[in-house]
Amino acid sequence: MSMIKEFLGEDLSEKNTIKAQYSLEDLQSINNNISEKIKELVNMSKNLVKKREKANKTGLILKV
């Protein structure tokens, strides 16, 4: 935390009323989970775009 304080030049503990400590492994796991969800959303978005393009070519209306 002291490195963050030095970098930002302020005492963050005064601003944060809720404190939580996570291990590096926990944070990496959270980051990996978020990354996987982002990949899933990107793939879903790409698939939706493809379906819309196909529907536009065939004259169908795609409801979402």
C-alpha atoms as a PDB file:
ATOM      1  CA  MET A   1       0.000   0.000   0.000  1.00  0.00           C
ATOM      2  CA  SER A   2       2.871   2.369   0.675  1.00  0.00           C
ATOM      3  CA  MET A   3       3.957   2.149  -2.973  1.00  0.00           C
ATOM      4  CA  ILE A   4       0.472   3.218  -4.029  1.00  0.00           C
ATOM      5  CA  LYS A   5       0.525   6.091  -1.564  1.00  0.00           C
ATOM      6  CA  GLU A   6       3.915   7.180  -2.857  1.00  0.00           C
ATOM      7  CA  PHE A   7       2.764   6.943  -6.465  1.00  0.00           C
ATOM      8  CA  LEU A   8      -0.471   8.850  -5.911  1.00  0.00           C
ATOM      9  CA  GLY A   9       0.915  11.186  -3.306  1.00  0.00           C
ATOM     10  CA  GLU A  10      -2.038  10.828  -0.964  1.00  0.00           C
ATOM     11  CA  ASP A  11      -3.248   8.687   1.889  1.00  0.00           C
ATOM     12  CA  LEU A  12      -5.831   6.338   0.442  1.00  0.00           C
ATOM     13  CA  SER A  13      -6.797   4.857   3.796  1.00  0.00           C
ATOM     14  CA  GLU A  14      -8.627   8.052   4.729  1.00  0.00           C
ATOM     15  CA  LYS A  15     -10.840   7.817   1.641  1.00  0.00           C
ATOM     16  CA  ASN A  16     -11.637   4.109   1.808  1.00  0.00           C
ATOM     17  CA  THR A  17     -13.959   2.988   4.565  1.00  0.00           C
ATOM     18  CA  ILE A  18     -14.074  -0.637   3.426  1.00  0.00           C
ATOM     19  CA  LYS A  19     -10.761  -2.428   3.349  1.00  0.00           C
ATOM     20  CA  ALA A  20     -10.124  -5.855   1.936  1.00  0.00           C
ATOM     21  CA  GLN A  21      -6.947  -7.756   1.511  1.00  0.00           C
ATOM     22  CA  TYR A  22      -6.566 -10.252  -1.302  1.00  0.00           C
ATOM     23  CA  SER A  23      -3.622 -12.463  -2.043  1.00  0.00           C
ATOM     24  CA  LEU A  24      -1.845 -12.160  -5.349  1.00  0.00           C
ATOM     25  CA  GLU A  25      -3.303 -15.537  -6.320  1.00  0.00           C
ATOM     26  CA  ASP A  26      -6.828 -14.317  -5.549  1.00  0.00           C
ATOM     27  CA  LEU A  27      -6.329 -11.191  -7.642  1.00  0.00           C
ATOM     28  CA  GLN A  28      -4.885 -13.208 -10.516  1.00  0.00           C
ATOM     29  CA  SER A  29      -7.839 -15.578 -10.354  1.00  0.00           C
ATOM     30  CA  ILE A  30     -10.297 -12.671 -10.370  1.00  0.00           C
ATOM     31  CA  ASN A  31      -8.459 -11.116 -13.307  1.00  0.00           C
ATOM     32  CA  ASN A  32      -8.498 -14.416 -15.217  1.00  0.00           C
ATOM     33  CA  ASN A  33     -12.233 -14.820 -14.599  1.00  0.00           C
ATOM     34  CA  ILE A  34     -12.918 -11.305 -15.835  1.00  0.00           C
ATOM     35  CA  SER A  35     -10.743 -11.885 -18.914  1.00  0.00           C
ATOM     36  CA  GLU A  36     -12.657 -15.071 -19.746  1.00  0.00           C
ATOM     37  CA  LYS A  37     -15.999 -13.284 -19.403  1.00  0.00           C
ATOM     38  CA  ILE A  38     -14.770 -10.484 -21.663  1.00  0.00           C
ATOM     39  CA  LYS A  39     -13.716 -13.058 -24.284  1.00  0.00           C
ATOM     40  CA  GLU A  40     -17.155 -14.674 -24.065  1.00  0.00           C
ATOM     41  CA  LEU A  41     -18.868 -11.308 -24.537  1.00  0.00           C
ATOM     42  CA  VAL A  42     -16.652 -10.446 -27.506  1.00  0.00           C
ATOM     43  CA  ASN A  43     -17.473 -13.783 -29.138  1.00  0.00           C
ATOM     44  CA  MET A  44     -21.183 -13.308 -28.497  1.00  0.00           C
ATOM     45  CA  SER A  45     -21.007  -9.837 -30.016  1.00  0.00           C
ATOM     46  CA  LYS A  46     -19.167 -11.120 -33.095  1.00  0.00           C
ATOM     47  CA  ASN A  47     -21.731 -13.891 -33.539  1.00  0.00           C
ATOM     48  CA  LEU A  48     -24.570 -11.415 -33.236  1.00  0.00           C
ATOM     49  CA  VAL A  49     -23.003  -9.170 -35.878  1.00  0.00           C
ATOM     50  CA  LYS A  50     -22.639 -12.169 -38.216  1.00  0.00           C
ATOM     51  CA  LYS A  51     -26.281 -13.143 -37.657  1.00  0.00           C
ATOM     52  CA  ARG A  52     -27.438  -9.590 -38.328  1.00  0.00           C
ATOM     53  CA  GLU A  53     -25.365  -9.409 -41.510  1.00  0.00           C
ATOM     54  CA  LYS A  54     -26.783 -12.742 -42.682  1.00  0.00           C
ATOM     55  CA  ALA A  55     -30.313 -11.628 -41.835  1.00  0.00           C
ATOM     56  CA  ASN A  56     -29.805  -8.380 -43.748  1.00  0.00           C
ATOM     57  CA  LYS A  57     -28.628 -10.301 -46.817  1.00  0.00           C
ATOM     58  CA  THR A  58     -31.643 -12.616 -46.736  1.00  0.00           C
ATOM     59  CA  GLY A  59     -34.100  -9.841 -45.922  1.00  0.00           C
ATOM     60  CA  LEU A  60     -35.009 -11.269 -42.530  1.00  0.00           C
ATOM     61  CA  ILE A  61     -35.445  -9.143 -39.444  1.00  0.00           C
ATOM     62  CA  LEU A  62     -33.367 -10.286 -36.498  1.00  0.00           C
ATOM     63  CA  LYS A  63     -34.877  -9.446 -33.147  1.00  0.00           C
ATOM     64  CA  VAL A  64     -32.593  -9.330 -30.151  1.00  0.00           C
END
